[in-house]
Amino acid sequence: MTTYKRPLELLEGDSLVKICAPMVRYSKLPFRTLVRNYDCDIAFTPMIVSESFNQSIKARHSDFTTNSGDGPLIVQFAASQAKDFADAAEIVVPYADGVDLNCGCPQKWAMQEGYGCALLKKPELLHDSVLQARQRIDNNDFTISIKIRINSDLKETVELCRRAEKVRASFISVHGRTVDQRTQPVDYEAIKVVKDCVSIPVVANGDLTTLAECQKVRDITGVDGVMSARGILANPAMYAGFDETPLQCLQDWVDISLETGVSFNLFHHHLIYMLENLTCRAEKRLFNSLSSTAAVLDFLREKYDLR
C-alpha cells in the first residue's frame, strides 16, 4: 500500500517539488535510493526503449528494478509508436506512480530511431501516445507526462504543450534548450512562457546545481517543480541544501553499493562525479585510474576516513 504522496499530489501542492532526472545508466534503483535520503521528492528511471521492454522479459528485468521504498517513481520510456508507449505504461502500472514520454533526448542515435527530440517534429504522434496511454490507464493518480526541449519558435512549443494538456497529460517537464543547444544558457523565460500558457503543472530542467538556484528558477518561472541531472549526479545531496557532496553522502553511497551489489563500473563512476569538486587534479587522476572496489575503499578511507 502506498504510504507516500503521489506525483500529482506533490506537484499540485504549494511546495517546490524536487526531482531526480532520467539519466541513462545513472538514475537506477541504488542511486534513487541515495537521493531519496536527501530530500528528493520524485525520481525517474533511466530512459527505457518501450519496444524492447514490451517484447522481452529479459529486457524488463535488466532495465527496470524497484522496491517498496522506491517511490514516488516515474518510469521514462522512449517510443516511436503510440501503441508501444501505451503497452509499456500498462505493464508498469502496478510497480510505479507514473510514466513519462521522452521527447527531449537530442542524441543522434535516439533521433534516428524516432525517439526523443524526433517527437517534437511529430506532434500528432506525441499526443496520440499520451492519449492512448491515458485511455488504457484511466486513473489520474497515475501520471502520464512528457519531457521536452523547447523549439526555436516558441509558439510551436506552446501549441505542443497545450495539445498535450488537452489529451490529459498530467504534467510537462521542460528543458530550456533547443535540440541543437548543449552549453548555451538555459532559457528560463521560455519555460515561464510555457508555464503561463497551460494549467497543468510544469517542471523546469537545465543547469540546476544547488537548492538556491532551484528556488531562484522557481521565482523566475513560477514552475511547480525542478529537475536536475548533472547537478544531482555531482552532488546527490543538493536538494537537502548542501552546496557540495557531504562526506555522509559518500558513505551512504558506499553502503548502498556494497549492500546491493552495484557493479564496480557504476559504483566508481558515481563516485567520480561526487568527488569532482572535492579533489585536486592529481587526486582525480589517481582516483579515476583505480580498478577495483578494494582500491576505491582504500582511497576513501585514507582521504576521508570513510568505513
Protein backbone atom coordinates (compact mmCIF):
# COMPACT_ATOMS: atom_id res chain seq x y z
CA MET A 1 0.00 0.00 0.00
CA THR A 2 1.34 3.43 -0.99
CA THR A 3 2.28 5.50 2.07
CA TYR A 4 3.78 8.48 0.25
CA LYS A 5 2.23 11.29 -1.77
CA ARG A 6 1.75 10.58 -5.46
CA PRO A 7 3.49 12.83 -8.04
CA LEU A 8 0.44 14.90 -8.95
CA GLU A 9 -0.46 15.45 -5.31
CA LEU A 10 3.03 16.83 -4.78
CA LEU A 11 3.06 18.96 -7.93
CA GLU A 12 -0.32 20.48 -7.18
CA GLY A 13 0.78 21.47 -3.66
CA ASP A 14 2.45 24.69 -2.54
CA SER A 15 6.00 23.40 -2.01
CA LEU A 16 8.68 23.29 -4.68
CA VAL A 17 8.88 19.67 -5.89
CA LYS A 18 12.46 18.40 -6.32
CA ILE A 19 13.00 15.72 -8.95
CA CYS A 20 15.88 13.45 -9.99
CA ALA A 21 16.00 13.45 -13.78
CA PRO A 22 16.09 10.37 -16.01
CA MET A 23 19.76 9.66 -16.77
CA VAL A 24 20.95 6.80 -18.96
CA ARG A 25 22.90 4.32 -16.79
CA TYR A 26 22.83 6.51 -13.70
CA SER A 27 19.32 7.01 -12.32
CA LYS A 28 18.91 3.35 -11.39
CA LEU A 29 17.48 1.99 -8.16
CA PRO A 30 20.66 2.31 -5.99
CA PHE A 31 21.14 5.97 -6.93
CA ARG A 32 17.43 6.68 -6.50
CA THR A 33 17.73 5.16 -3.02
CA LEU A 34 20.59 7.54 -2.26
CA VAL A 35 18.91 10.77 -3.41
CA ARG A 36 15.69 9.93 -1.59
CA ASN A 37 17.76 10.19 1.62
CA TYR A 38 18.47 13.83 0.71
CA ASP A 39 15.07 15.44 0.11
CA CYS A 40 14.49 14.29 -3.47
CA ASP A 41 10.69 14.15 -3.83
CA ILE A 42 10.30 12.21 -7.11
CA ALA A 43 12.77 10.08 -9.05
CA PHE A 44 12.72 8.98 -12.68
CA THR A 45 14.19 5.77 -14.07
CA PRO A 46 16.68 5.98 -16.92
CA MET A 47 15.09 6.18 -20.36
CA ILE A 48 13.87 2.71 -21.40
CA VAL A 49 13.12 1.80 -25.04
CA SER A 50 9.48 0.74 -24.94
CA GLU A 51 9.59 -1.63 -27.92
CA SER A 52 12.25 -3.92 -26.45
CA PHE A 53 10.72 -3.56 -22.97
CA ASN A 54 7.40 -4.85 -24.28
CA GLN A 55 8.88 -7.73 -26.24
CA SER A 56 11.44 -9.14 -23.82
CA ILE A 57 11.06 -10.18 -20.20
CA LYS A 58 14.85 -10.23 -20.02
CA ALA A 59 14.95 -6.57 -21.11
CA ARG A 60 12.39 -5.69 -18.45
CA HIS A 61 14.42 -7.32 -15.70
CA SER A 62 17.58 -5.62 -16.95
CA ASP A 63 16.14 -2.13 -17.40
CA PHE A 64 13.63 -1.81 -14.59
CA THR A 65 14.11 -2.68 -10.93
CA THR A 66 12.35 -1.21 -7.94
CA ASN A 67 11.40 -1.97 -4.35
CA SER A 68 8.88 -0.94 -1.71
CA GLY A 69 10.87 2.16 -0.73
CA ASP A 70 11.30 3.41 -4.28
CA GLY A 71 8.56 5.97 -4.53
CA PRO A 72 7.24 8.19 -5.90
CA LEU A 73 8.68 6.65 -9.08
CA ILE A 74 8.16 7.63 -12.71
CA VAL A 75 9.29 5.30 -15.49
CA GLN A 76 10.51 7.11 -18.58
CA PHE A 77 10.07 5.46 -21.97
CA ALA A 78 11.36 6.20 -25.44
CA ALA A 79 8.80 5.34 -28.09
CA SER A 80 8.37 5.85 -31.81
CA GLN A 81 4.89 4.32 -31.87
CA ALA A 82 1.95 5.30 -29.68
CA LYS A 83 0.97 1.67 -29.06
CA ASP A 84 4.46 0.83 -27.77
CA PHE A 85 4.26 3.62 -25.19
CA ALA A 86 0.75 2.63 -24.09
CA ASP A 87 1.70 -1.07 -23.85
CA ALA A 88 4.75 -0.26 -21.72
CA ALA A 89 2.72 2.04 -19.49
CA GLU A 90 0.22 -0.75 -18.82
CA ILE A 91 2.99 -3.14 -17.83
CA VAL A 92 4.46 -0.85 -15.14
CA VAL A 93 1.21 0.39 -13.58
CA PRO A 94 1.45 -1.99 -10.59
CA TYR A 95 5.07 -1.01 -9.87
CA ALA A 96 5.28 2.77 -10.41
CA ASP A 97 3.43 6.04 -9.94
CA GLY A 98 3.62 7.28 -13.50
CA VAL A 99 5.21 7.08 -16.92
CA ASP A 100 6.93 9.76 -18.96
CA LEU A 101 7.41 10.01 -22.71
CA ASN A 102 10.92 11.15 -23.63
CA CYS A 103 10.59 13.95 -26.17
CA GLY A 104 13.82 15.69 -25.20
CA CYS A 105 16.79 13.40 -25.86
CA PRO A 106 18.94 15.14 -28.51
CA GLN A 107 21.36 12.26 -29.14
CA LYS A 108 21.67 11.30 -32.81
CA TRP A 109 21.05 7.58 -32.30
CA ALA A 110 17.79 8.29 -30.48
CA MET A 111 16.53 10.72 -33.08
CA GLN A 112 17.46 8.36 -35.90
CA GLU A 113 15.27 5.71 -34.27
CA GLY A 114 12.40 8.18 -33.96
CA TYR A 115 12.84 8.70 -30.22
CA GLY A 116 13.43 11.74 -28.03
CA CYS A 117 13.51 15.09 -29.79
CA ALA A 118 12.30 13.45 -33.01
CA LEU A 119 8.82 13.56 -31.46
CA LEU A 120 8.93 17.36 -31.36
CA LYS A 121 8.67 17.21 -35.15
CA LYS A 122 5.77 14.73 -34.89
CA PRO A 123 3.27 16.37 -32.54
CA GLU A 124 0.44 14.11 -33.70
CA LEU A 125 2.43 11.04 -32.62
CA LEU A 126 3.34 12.67 -29.32
CA HIS A 127 -0.25 13.49 -28.49
CA ASP A 128 -1.56 10.13 -29.70
CA SER A 129 0.95 8.40 -27.42
CA VAL A 130 -0.31 10.30 -24.37
CA LEU A 131 -3.93 9.78 -25.41
CA GLN A 132 -3.59 6.01 -25.89
CA ALA A 133 -1.80 5.59 -22.58
CA ARG A 134 -4.47 7.60 -20.76
CA GLN A 135 -7.27 5.62 -22.41
CA ARG A 136 -5.66 2.42 -21.13
CA ILE A 137 -4.99 3.82 -17.64
CA ASP A 138 -7.95 5.90 -16.56
CA ASN A 139 -6.51 6.72 -13.15
CA ASN A 140 -5.42 10.30 -12.57
CA ASP A 141 -3.23 9.26 -9.62
CA PHE A 142 -1.03 7.50 -12.18
CA THR A 143 0.69 10.30 -14.07
CA ILE A 144 1.34 10.33 -17.80
CA SER A 145 3.78 13.12 -18.58
CA ILE A 146 6.13 14.34 -21.29
CA LYS A 147 9.66 15.73 -21.10
CA ILE A 148 10.54 18.14 -23.90
CA ARG A 149 13.08 20.61 -25.15
CA ILE A 150 11.96 23.99 -26.47
CA ASN A 151 11.68 24.79 -30.16
CA SER A 152 13.47 27.78 -31.64
CA ASP A 153 9.98 29.04 -32.47
CA LEU A 154 8.43 29.14 -29.00
CA LYS A 155 4.92 29.28 -30.46
CA GLU A 156 5.39 25.67 -31.59
CA THR A 157 6.35 24.67 -28.06
CA VAL A 158 3.32 26.39 -26.57
CA GLU A 159 0.98 24.76 -29.10
CA LEU A 160 2.51 21.34 -28.44
CA CYS A 161 2.08 21.74 -24.68
CA ARG A 162 -1.50 22.97 -24.98
CA ARG A 163 -2.38 19.96 -27.11
CA ALA A 164 -0.69 17.64 -24.62
CA GLU A 165 -2.85 19.19 -21.90
CA LYS A 166 -6.00 18.54 -23.95
CA VAL A 167 -5.25 14.80 -24.11
CA ARG A 168 -4.82 14.78 -20.31
CA ALA A 169 -1.06 14.88 -19.90
CA SER A 170 -0.51 15.12 -16.14
CA PHE A 171 2.45 17.49 -16.24
CA ILE A 172 5.22 18.69 -18.55
CA SER A 173 8.96 18.86 -17.87
CA VAL A 174 10.73 21.47 -19.98
CA HIS A 175 14.47 21.58 -20.65
CA GLY A 176 15.14 25.19 -21.59
CA ARG A 177 17.37 24.49 -24.59
CA THR A 178 16.65 23.61 -28.20
CA VAL A 179 17.66 20.33 -29.85
CA ASP A 180 20.89 21.86 -31.18
CA GLN A 181 21.97 23.59 -27.98
CA ARG A 182 24.34 21.96 -25.49
CA THR A 183 26.26 24.51 -23.40
CA GLN A 184 24.28 27.65 -24.21
CA PRO A 185 22.47 29.30 -21.28
CA VAL A 186 19.14 27.74 -20.34
CA ASP A 187 16.19 29.86 -21.46
CA TYR A 188 14.18 30.11 -18.25
CA GLU A 189 11.99 32.82 -19.76
CA ALA A 190 10.82 30.26 -22.34
CA ILE A 191 9.93 27.87 -19.52
CA LYS A 192 7.95 30.70 -17.90
CA VAL A 193 6.01 31.20 -21.14
CA VAL A 194 5.07 27.51 -21.16
CA LYS A 195 4.03 27.66 -17.51
CA ASP A 196 1.83 30.69 -18.18
CA CYS A 197 0.11 29.02 -21.15
CA VAL A 198 -1.05 25.75 -19.56
CA SER A 199 -2.97 24.92 -16.40
CA ILE A 200 -1.23 21.60 -15.63
CA PRO A 201 1.99 21.52 -13.57
CA VAL A 202 5.28 22.40 -15.27
CA VAL A 203 8.76 21.31 -14.20
CA ALA A 204 11.93 23.26 -15.07
CA ASN A 205 15.04 21.39 -16.19
CA GLY A 206 18.54 22.55 -17.13
CA ASP A 207 21.74 23.57 -15.29
CA LEU A 208 20.36 23.31 -11.75
CA THR A 209 23.16 22.51 -9.31
CA THR A 210 22.12 23.96 -5.94
CA LEU A 211 18.92 24.34 -3.97
CA ALA A 212 19.34 28.12 -4.09
CA GLU A 213 19.42 28.00 -7.91
CA CYS A 214 16.28 25.85 -7.90
CA GLN A 215 14.44 28.36 -5.76
CA LYS A 216 15.63 31.24 -7.95
CA VAL A 217 14.38 29.48 -11.09
CA ARG A 218 11.02 28.91 -9.44
CA ASP A 219 10.82 32.64 -8.68
CA ILE A 220 11.60 33.46 -12.33
CA THR A 221 9.32 30.88 -13.96
CA GLY A 222 6.58 30.10 -11.47
CA VAL A 223 7.06 26.38 -12.09
CA ASP A 224 5.74 23.69 -9.77
CA GLY A 225 8.89 21.57 -9.72
CA VAL A 226 12.55 21.45 -10.68
CA MET A 227 14.53 18.61 -12.19
CA SER A 228 18.29 18.08 -12.01
CA ALA A 229 20.56 15.67 -13.88
CA ARG A 230 24.24 16.68 -13.88
CA GLY A 231 23.82 18.70 -10.69
CA ILE A 232 22.39 15.84 -8.65
CA LEU A 233 24.88 13.41 -10.17
CA ALA A 234 27.74 15.56 -8.87
CA ASN A 235 26.01 16.28 -5.57
CA PRO A 236 23.23 13.82 -4.64
CA ALA A 237 22.56 15.91 -1.51
CA MET A 238 21.89 19.16 -3.40
CA TYR A 239 18.15 19.15 -2.66
CA ALA A 240 18.91 18.95 1.06
CA GLY A 241 20.74 22.29 0.78
CA PHE A 242 24.36 21.07 0.52
CA ASP A 243 26.46 23.02 -1.99
CA GLU A 244 28.90 20.12 -2.39
CA THR A 245 28.67 16.42 -1.65
CA PRO A 246 28.89 15.85 2.12
CA LEU A 247 31.04 13.01 3.41
CA GLN A 248 27.98 11.26 4.84
CA CYS A 249 26.57 11.08 1.31
CA LEU A 250 29.75 9.38 0.09
CA GLN A 251 29.45 6.92 2.96
CA ASP A 252 25.80 6.28 2.14
CA TRP A 253 26.69 5.52 -1.47
CA VAL A 254 29.39 3.08 -0.38
CA ASP A 255 26.95 1.34 1.97
CA ILE A 256 24.15 1.13 -0.61
CA SER A 257 26.52 -0.13 -3.30
CA LEU A 258 28.07 -2.85 -1.15
CA GLU A 259 24.70 -3.93 0.20
CA THR A 260 23.00 -4.18 -3.20
CA GLY A 261 25.93 -5.43 -5.29
CA VAL A 262 26.31 -2.44 -7.61
CA SER A 263 28.76 -3.19 -10.42
CA PHE A 264 32.24 -1.76 -9.97
CA ASN A 265 31.94 0.50 -13.03
CA LEU A 266 28.73 2.10 -11.79
CA PHE A 267 29.98 2.34 -8.20
CA HIS A 268 33.20 4.01 -9.39
CA HIS A 269 31.61 6.34 -11.96
CA HIS A 270 29.13 7.74 -9.46
CA LEU A 271 31.99 8.46 -7.07
CA ILE A 272 33.98 10.16 -9.84
CA TYR A 273 31.08 12.60 -10.24
CA MET A 274 30.59 13.05 -6.49
CA LEU A 275 34.29 13.77 -5.89
CA GLU A 276 34.57 16.23 -8.78
CA ASN A 277 34.51 19.31 -6.54
CA LEU A 278 36.25 17.68 -3.58
CA THR A 279 39.54 16.57 -5.16
CA CYS A 280 42.50 18.27 -6.82
CA ARG A 281 43.69 17.35 -10.30
CA ALA A 282 46.28 14.84 -9.12
CA GLU A 283 43.77 13.14 -6.83
CA LYS A 284 41.26 12.97 -9.69
CA ARG A 285 43.82 11.26 -11.93
CA LEU A 286 44.65 8.76 -9.22
CA PHE A 287 41.04 8.04 -8.29
CA ASN A 288 39.87 7.75 -11.89
CA SER A 289 42.57 5.15 -12.57
CA LEU A 290 41.50 2.83 -9.75
CA SER A 291 40.27 -0.54 -10.99
CA SER A 292 38.84 -2.39 -8.00
CA THR A 293 36.37 -1.84 -5.20
CA ALA A 294 39.10 -2.52 -2.64
CA ALA A 295 41.30 0.22 -4.14
CA VAL A 296 38.40 2.69 -4.10
CA LEU A 297 37.61 1.88 -0.47
CA ASP A 298 41.27 2.32 0.48
CA PHE A 299 41.33 5.75 -1.19
CA LEU A 300 38.15 6.86 0.60
CA ARG A 301 39.39 5.51 3.92
CA GLU A 302 42.76 7.27 3.69
CA LYS A 303 41.45 10.63 2.44
CA TYR A 304 38.07 10.91 4.15
CA ASP A 305 38.20 8.35 6.93
CA LEU A 306 35.20 6.50 5.47
CA ARG A 307 34.47 2.98 6.62
